[in-house]
Amino acid sequence: MLNADPLLRRPRLLNKALVARAFEGFRPKADSPDKMWRMLTDQYVVDLDAVAALLPAREPETHWLPARD
């Protein structure tokens, strides 16, 4: 995440509806959830819980154990 400059004013997105509207605007430019997260946090002060609720959860890779004989 960006090292926030306290003197730089950025718009605030503090509820889920505003974050969702910003998502729709960034969707054509962001090709991954990581890039979407980065674009939102670089340009806005956001409610991180609202962003996490809207971004799809990353599922862990399945790790299969070797079969027993």
PDB file of N, CA and C in Angstrom:
ATOM      1  N   MET A   1       0.832  -1.170   0.000  1.00  0.00           N
ATOM      2  CA  MET A   1       0.000   0.000   0.000  1.00  0.00           C
ATOM      3  C   MET A   1       0.884   1.243   0.000  1.00  0.00           C
ATOM      4  N   LEU A   2       0.351   2.291  -0.483  1.00  0.00           N
ATOM      5  CA  LEU A   2       1.010   3.577  -0.595  1.00  0.00           C
ATOM      6  C   LEU A   2       1.398   4.132   0.768  1.00  0.00           C
ATOM      7  N   ASN A   3       2.573   4.759   0.859  1.00  0.00           N
ATOM      8  CA  ASN A   3       2.925   5.501   2.065  1.00  0.00           C
ATOM      9  C   ASN A   3       2.151   6.803   2.009  1.00  0.00           C
ATOM     10  N   ALA A   4       1.114   6.895   2.823  1.00  0.00           N
ATOM     11  CA  ALA A   4       0.191   8.025   2.743  1.00  0.00           C
ATOM     12  C   ALA A   4       0.858   9.313   3.198  1.00  0.00           C
ATOM     13  N   ASP A   5       0.725  10.326   2.389  1.00  0.00           N
ATOM     14  CA  ASP A   5       1.194  11.660   2.729  1.00  0.00           C
ATOM     15  C   ASP A   5       0.066  12.349   3.493  1.00  0.00           C
ATOM     16  N   PRO A   6       0.262  12.687   4.754  1.00  0.00           N
ATOM     17  CA  PRO A   6      -0.834  13.274   5.535  1.00  0.00           C
ATOM     18  C   PRO A   6      -1.282  14.641   5.020  1.00  0.00           C
ATOM     19  N   LEU A   7      -0.467  15.302   4.220  1.00  0.00           N
ATOM     20  CA  LEU A   7      -0.838  16.608   3.696  1.00  0.00           C
ATOM     21  C   LEU A   7      -1.606  16.526   2.382  1.00  0.00           C
ATOM     22  N   LEU A   8      -1.599  15.366   1.746  1.00  0.00           N
ATOM     23  CA  LEU A   8      -2.308  15.166   0.487  1.00  0.00           C
ATOM     24  C   LEU A   8      -3.737  14.719   0.778  1.00  0.00           C
ATOM     25  N   ARG A   9      -4.695  15.514   0.326  1.00  0.00           N
ATOM     26  CA  ARG A   9      -6.104  15.155   0.542  1.00  0.00           C
ATOM     27  C   ARG A   9      -6.576  14.255  -0.579  1.00  0.00           C
ATOM     28  N   ARG A  10      -7.172  13.141  -0.196  1.00  0.00           N
ATOM     29  CA  ARG A  10      -7.752  12.213  -1.165  1.00  0.00           C
ATOM     30  C   ARG A  10      -9.225  12.017  -0.816  1.00  0.00           C
ATOM     31  N   PRO A  11     -10.070  11.781  -1.810  1.00  0.00           N
ATOM     32  CA  PRO A  11     -11.485  11.523  -1.525  1.00  0.00           C
ATOM     33  C   PRO A  11     -11.642  10.282  -0.652  1.00  0.00           C
ATOM     34  N   ARG A  12     -12.711  10.260   0.138  1.00  0.00           N
ATOM     35  CA  ARG A  12     -12.963   9.134   1.038  1.00  0.00           C
ATOM     36  C   ARG A  12     -14.115   8.281   0.524  1.00  0.00           C
ATOM     37  N   LEU A  13     -13.898   6.979   0.551  1.00  0.00           N
ATOM     38  CA  LEU A  13     -14.944   6.012   0.236  1.00  0.00           C
ATOM     39  C   LEU A  13     -15.148   5.189   1.496  1.00  0.00           C
ATOM     40  N   LEU A  14     -16.142   5.564   2.286  1.00  0.00           N
ATOM     41  CA  LEU A  14     -16.281   4.956   3.605  1.00  0.00           C
ATOM     42  C   LEU A  14     -17.511   4.065   3.745  1.00  0.00           C
ATOM     43  N   ASN A  15     -18.172   3.756   2.658  1.00  0.00           N
ATOM     44  CA  ASN A  15     -19.237   2.752   2.748  1.00  0.00           C
ATOM     45  C   ASN A  15     -19.206   1.860   1.515  1.00  0.00           C
ATOM     46  N   LYS A  16     -19.884   0.734   1.632  1.00  0.00           N
ATOM     47  CA  LYS A  16     -19.805  -0.291   0.601  1.00  0.00           C
ATOM     48  C   LYS A  16     -20.335   0.185  -0.750  1.00  0.00           C
ATOM     49  N   ALA A  17     -21.370   1.034  -0.752  1.00  0.00           N
ATOM     50  CA  ALA A  17     -21.943   1.511  -2.010  1.00  0.00           C
ATOM     51  C   ALA A  17     -20.951   2.382  -2.778  1.00  0.00           C
ATOM     52  N   LEU A  18     -20.240   3.250  -2.089  1.00  0.00           N
ATOM     53  CA  LEU A  18     -19.257   4.104  -2.759  1.00  0.00           C
ATOM     54  C   LEU A  18     -18.079   3.290  -3.284  1.00  0.00           C
ATOM     55  N   VAL A  19     -17.644   2.307  -2.507  1.00  0.00           N
ATOM     56  CA  VAL A  19     -16.547   1.448  -2.952  1.00  0.00           C
ATOM     57  C   VAL A  19     -16.981   0.659  -4.187  1.00  0.00           C
ATOM     58  N   ALA A  20     -18.212   0.160  -4.182  1.00  0.00           N
ATOM     59  CA  ALA A  20     -18.721  -0.596  -5.335  1.00  0.00           C
ATOM     60  C   ALA A  20     -18.775   0.272  -6.586  1.00  0.00           C
ATOM     61  N   ARG A  21     -19.152   1.526  -6.435  1.00  0.00           N
ATOM     62  CA  ARG A  21     -19.194   2.439  -7.586  1.00  0.00           C
ATOM     63  C   ARG A  21     -17.778   2.663  -8.134  1.00  0.00           C
ATOM     64  N   ALA A  22     -16.806   2.819  -7.254  1.00  0.00           N
ATOM     65  CA  ALA A  22     -15.419   2.984  -7.693  1.00  0.00           C
ATOM     66  C   ALA A  22     -14.924   1.715  -8.385  1.00  0.00           C
ATOM     67  N   PHE A  23     -15.334   0.542  -7.878  1.00  0.00           N
ATOM     68  CA  PHE A  23     -14.970  -0.729  -8.509  1.00  0.00           C
ATOM     69  C   PHE A  23     -15.417  -0.752  -9.964  1.00  0.00           C
ATOM     70  N   GLU A  24     -16.648  -0.341 -10.208  1.00  0.00           N
ATOM     71  CA  GLU A  24     -17.173  -0.350 -11.572  1.00  0.00           C
ATOM     72  C   GLU A  24     -16.372   0.576 -12.493  1.00  0.00           C
ATOM     73  N   GLY A  25     -15.918   1.692 -11.952  1.00  0.00           N
ATOM     74  CA  GLY A  25     -15.110   2.607 -12.749  1.00  0.00           C
ATOM     75  C   GLY A  25     -13.727   2.062 -13.070  1.00  0.00           C
ATOM     76  N   PHE A  26     -13.145   1.309 -12.134  1.00  0.00           N
ATOM     77  CA  PHE A  26     -11.796   0.771 -12.324  1.00  0.00           C
ATOM     78  C   PHE A  26     -11.778  -0.578 -13.025  1.00  0.00           C
ATOM     79  N   ARG A  27     -12.931  -1.249 -13.109  1.00  0.00           N
ATOM     80  CA  ARG A  27     -12.970  -2.614 -13.640  1.00  0.00           C
ATOM     81  C   ARG A  27     -12.329  -2.752 -15.026  1.00  0.00           C
ATOM     82  N   PRO A  28     -12.559  -1.828 -15.985  1.00  0.00           N
ATOM     83  CA  PRO A  28     -11.912  -1.989 -17.302  1.00  0.00           C
ATOM     84  C   PRO A  28     -10.381  -1.881 -17.249  1.00  0.00           C
ATOM     85  N   LYS A  29      -9.855  -1.165 -16.264  1.00  0.00           N
ATOM     86  CA  LYS A  29      -8.405  -0.951 -16.186  1.00  0.00           C
ATOM     87  C   LYS A  29      -7.691  -2.009 -15.351  1.00  0.00           C
ATOM     88  N   ALA A  30      -8.394  -2.597 -14.380  1.00  0.00           N
ATOM     89  CA  ALA A  30      -7.765  -3.547 -13.460  1.00  0.00           C
ATOM     90  C   ALA A  30      -7.985  -4.969 -13.948  1.00  0.00           C
ATOM     91  N   ASP A  31      -6.887  -5.677 -14.216  1.00  0.00           N
ATOM     92  CA  ASP A  31      -7.009  -7.041 -14.711  1.00  0.00           C
ATOM     93  C   ASP A  31      -6.844  -8.091 -13.615  1.00  0.00           C
ATOM     94  N   SER A  32      -6.652  -7.655 -12.362  1.00  0.00           N
ATOM     95  CA  SER A  32      -6.534  -8.587 -11.254  1.00  0.00           C
ATOM     96  C   SER A  32      -7.014  -7.911  -9.968  1.00  0.00           C
ATOM     97  N   PRO A  33      -7.398  -8.707  -8.965  1.00  0.00           N
ATOM     98  CA  PRO A  33      -7.800  -8.112  -7.687  1.00  0.00           C
ATOM     99  C   PRO A  33      -6.685  -7.297  -7.037  1.00  0.00           C
ATOM    100  N   ASP A  34      -5.442  -7.724  -7.226  1.00  0.00           N
ATOM    101  CA  ASP A  34      -4.312  -6.982  -6.655  1.00  0.00           C
ATOM    102  C   ASP A  34      -4.208  -5.582  -7.259  1.00  0.00           C
ATOM    103  N   LYS A  35      -4.379  -5.502  -8.561  1.00  0.00           N
ATOM    104  CA  LYS A  35      -4.307  -4.200  -9.229  1.00  0.00           C
ATOM    105  C   LYS A  35      -5.483  -3.311  -8.831  1.00  0.00           C
ATOM    106  N   MET A  36      -6.666  -3.921  -8.669  1.00  0.00           N
ATOM    107  CA  MET A  36      -7.842  -3.172  -8.225  1.00  0.00           C
ATOM    108  C   MET A  36      -7.595  -2.594  -6.832  1.00  0.00           C
ATOM    109  N   TRP A  37      -7.072  -3.414  -5.937  1.00  0.00           N
ATOM    110  CA  TRP A  37      -6.755  -2.968  -4.577  1.00  0.00           C
ATOM    111  C   TRP A  37      -5.783  -1.794  -4.620  1.00  0.00           C
ATOM    112  N   ARG A  38      -4.756  -1.931  -5.420  1.00  0.00           N
ATOM    113  CA  ARG A  38      -3.730  -0.890  -5.531  1.00  0.00           C
ATOM    114  C   ARG A  38      -4.311   0.418  -6.076  1.00  0.00           C
ATOM    115  N   MET A  39      -5.130   0.329  -7.109  1.00  0.00           N
ATOM    116  CA  MET A  39      -5.718   1.526  -7.703  1.00  0.00           C
ATOM    117  C   MET A  39      -6.628   2.241  -6.707  1.00  0.00           C
ATOM    118  N   LEU A  40      -7.424   1.482  -5.977  1.00  0.00           N
ATOM    119  CA  LEU A  40      -8.323   2.088  -4.983  1.00  0.00           C
ATOM    120  C   LEU A  40      -7.550   2.782  -3.868  1.00  0.00           C
ATOM    121  N   THR A  41      -6.560   2.091  -3.314  1.00  0.00           N
ATOM    122  CA  THR A  41      -5.842   2.660  -2.170  1.00  0.00           C
ATOM    123  C   THR A  41      -4.876   3.764  -2.571  1.00  0.00           C
ATOM    124  N   ASP A  42      -4.457   3.805  -3.825  1.00  0.00           N
ATOM    125  CA  ASP A  42      -3.610   4.908  -4.282  1.00  0.00           C
ATOM    126  C   ASP A  42      -4.402   6.192  -4.478  1.00  0.00           C
ATOM    127  N   GLN A  43      -5.662   6.070  -4.889  1.00  0.00           N
ATOM    128  CA  GLN A  43      -6.438   7.248  -5.246  1.00  0.00           C
ATOM    129  C   GLN A  43      -7.461   7.677  -4.200  1.00  0.00           C
ATOM    130  N   TYR A  44      -7.820   6.785  -3.283  1.00  0.00           N
ATOM    131  CA  TYR A  44      -8.854   7.086  -2.300  1.00  0.00           C
ATOM    132  C   TYR A  44      -8.432   6.653  -0.906  1.00  0.00           C
ATOM    133  N   VAL A  45      -9.059   7.244   0.086  1.00  0.00           N
ATOM    134  CA  VAL A  45      -9.031   6.715   1.447  1.00  0.00           C
ATOM    135  C   VAL A  45     -10.247   5.805   1.507  1.00  0.00           C
ATOM    136  N   VAL A  46     -10.034   4.513   1.738  1.00  0.00           N
ATOM    137  CA  VAL A  46     -11.132   3.559   1.641  1.00  0.00           C
ATOM    138  C   VAL A  46     -11.352   2.818   2.957  1.00  0.00           C
ATOM    139  N   ASP A  47     -12.580   2.335   3.121  1.00  0.00           N
ATOM    140  CA  ASP A  47     -12.910   1.425   4.211  1.00  0.00           C
ATOM    141  C   ASP A  47     -12.390   0.055   3.776  1.00  0.00           C
ATOM    142  N   LEU A  48     -11.337  -0.421   4.404  1.00  0.00           N
ATOM    143  CA  LEU A  48     -10.688  -1.656   3.973  1.00  0.00           C
ATOM    144  C   LEU A  48     -11.602  -2.865   4.113  1.00  0.00           C
ATOM    145  N   ASP A  49     -12.498  -2.861   5.105  1.00  0.00           N
ATOM    146  CA  ASP A  49     -13.444  -3.970   5.243  1.00  0.00           C
ATOM    147  C   ASP A  49     -14.407  -4.013   4.054  1.00  0.00           C
ATOM    148  N   ALA A  50     -14.838  -2.855   3.569  1.00  0.00           N
ATOM    149  CA  ALA A  50     -15.737  -2.808   2.416  1.00  0.00           C
ATOM    150  C   ALA A  50     -15.030  -3.308   1.161  1.00  0.00           C
ATOM    151  N   VAL A  51     -13.783  -2.937   0.995  1.00  0.00           N
ATOM    152  CA  VAL A  51     -13.011  -3.410  -0.167  1.00  0.00           C
ATOM    153  C   VAL A  51     -12.828  -4.919  -0.097  1.00  0.00           C
ATOM    154  N   ALA A  52     -12.470  -5.433   1.074  1.00  0.00           N
ATOM    155  CA  ALA A  52     -12.261  -6.874   1.232  1.00  0.00           C
ATOM    156  C   ALA A  52     -13.553  -7.654   0.994  1.00  0.00           C
ATOM    157  N   ALA A  53     -14.689  -7.084   1.364  1.00  0.00           N
ATOM    158  CA  ALA A  53     -15.965  -7.766   1.153  1.00  0.00           C
ATOM    159  C   ALA A  53     -16.324  -7.838  -0.330  1.00  0.00           C
ATOM    160  N   LEU A  54     -15.883  -6.869  -1.113  1.00  0.00           N
ATOM    161  CA  LEU A  54     -16.227  -6.836  -2.541  1.00  0.00           C
ATOM    162  C   LEU A  54     -15.234  -7.576  -3.429  1.00  0.00           C
ATOM    163  N   LEU A  55     -13.989  -7.675  -3.001  1.00  0.00           N
ATOM    164  CA  LEU A  55     -12.998  -8.399  -3.798  1.00  0.00           C
ATOM    165  C   LEU A  55     -13.176  -9.901  -3.581  1.00  0.00           C
ATOM    166  N   PRO A  56     -13.020 -10.695  -4.612  1.00  0.00           N
ATOM    167  CA  PRO A  56     -13.141 -12.142  -4.424  1.00  0.00           C
ATOM    168  C   PRO A  56     -11.996 -12.667  -3.556  1.00  0.00           C
ATOM    169  N   ALA A  57     -12.346 -13.623  -2.713  1.00  0.00           N
ATOM    170  CA  ALA A  57     -11.341 -14.236  -1.837  1.00  0.00           C
ATOM    171  C   ALA A  57     -10.409 -15.121  -2.662  1.00  0.00           C
ATOM    172  N   ARG A  58      -9.141 -15.059  -2.367  1.00  0.00           N
ATOM    173  CA  ARG A  58      -8.164 -15.889  -3.068  1.00  0.00           C
ATOM    174  C   ARG A  58      -8.145 -17.262  -2.387  1.00  0.00           C
ATOM    175  N   GLU A  59      -8.482 -18.277  -3.140  1.00  0.00           N
ATOM    176  CA  GLU A  59      -8.509 -19.631  -2.596  1.00  0.00           C
ATOM    177  C   GLU A  59      -7.100 -20.210  -2.594  1.00  0.00           C
ATOM    178  N   PRO A  60      -6.743 -20.913  -1.512  1.00  0.00           N
ATOM    179  CA  PRO A  60      -5.398 -21.515  -1.476  1.00  0.00           C
ATOM    180  C   PRO A  60      -5.287 -22.653  -2.491  1.00  0.00           C
ATOM    181  N   GLU A  61      -4.100 -22.861  -2.970  1.00  0.00           N
ATOM    182  CA  GLU A  61      -3.836 -23.939  -3.922  1.00  0.00           C
ATOM    183  C   GLU A  61      -3.976 -25.278  -3.206  1.00  0.00           C
ATOM    184  N   THR A  62      -4.636 -26.225  -3.867  1.00  0.00           N
ATOM    185  CA  THR A  62      -4.819 -27.556  -3.292  1.00  0.00           C
ATOM    186  C   THR A  62      -3.474 -28.263  -3.233  1.00  0.00           C
ATOM    187  N   HIS A  63      -3.170 -28.828  -2.079  1.00  0.00           N
ATOM    188  CA  HIS A  63      -1.925 -29.571  -1.895  1.00  0.00           C
ATOM    189  C   HIS A  63      -2.279 -31.021  -1.596  1.00  0.00           C
ATOM    190  N   TRP A  64      -2.008 -31.883  -2.538  1.00  0.00           N
ATOM    191  CA  TRP A  64      -2.351 -33.293  -2.375  1.00  0.00           C
ATOM    192  C   TRP A  64      -1.216 -34.041  -1.708  1.00  0.00           C
ATOM    193  N   LEU A  65      -1.566 -34.847  -0.733  1.00  0.00           N
ATOM    194  CA  LEU A  65      -0.581 -35.683  -0.061  1.00  0.00           C
ATOM    195  C   LEU A  65      -0.333 -36.937  -0.887  1.00  0.00           C
ATOM    196  N   PRO A  66       0.875 -37.503  -0.797  1.00  0.00           N
ATOM    197  CA  PRO A  66       1.129 -38.733  -1.564  1.00  0.00           C
ATOM    198  C   PRO A  66       0.261 -39.883  -1.039  1.00  0.00           C
ATOM    199  N   ALA A  67      -0.134 -40.761  -1.937  1.00  0.00           N
ATOM    200  CA  ALA A  67      -0.969 -41.925  -1.567  1.00  0.00           C
ATOM    201  C   ALA A  67      -0.149 -42.906  -0.740  1.00  0.00           C
ATOM    202  N   ARG A  68      -0.827 -43.537   0.225  1.00  0.00           N
ATOM    203  CA  ARG A  68      -0.167 -44.565   1.039  1.00  0.00           C
ATOM    204  C   ARG A  68      -0.331 -45.929   0.368  1.00  0.00           C
ATOM    205  N   ASP A  69       0.685 -46.744   0.500  1.00  0.00           N
ATOM    206  CA  ASP A  69       0.603 -48.105  -0.053  1.00  0.00           C
ATOM    207  C   ASP A  69       0.351 -49.104   1.037  1.00  0.00           C
TER     208      ASP A  69
END
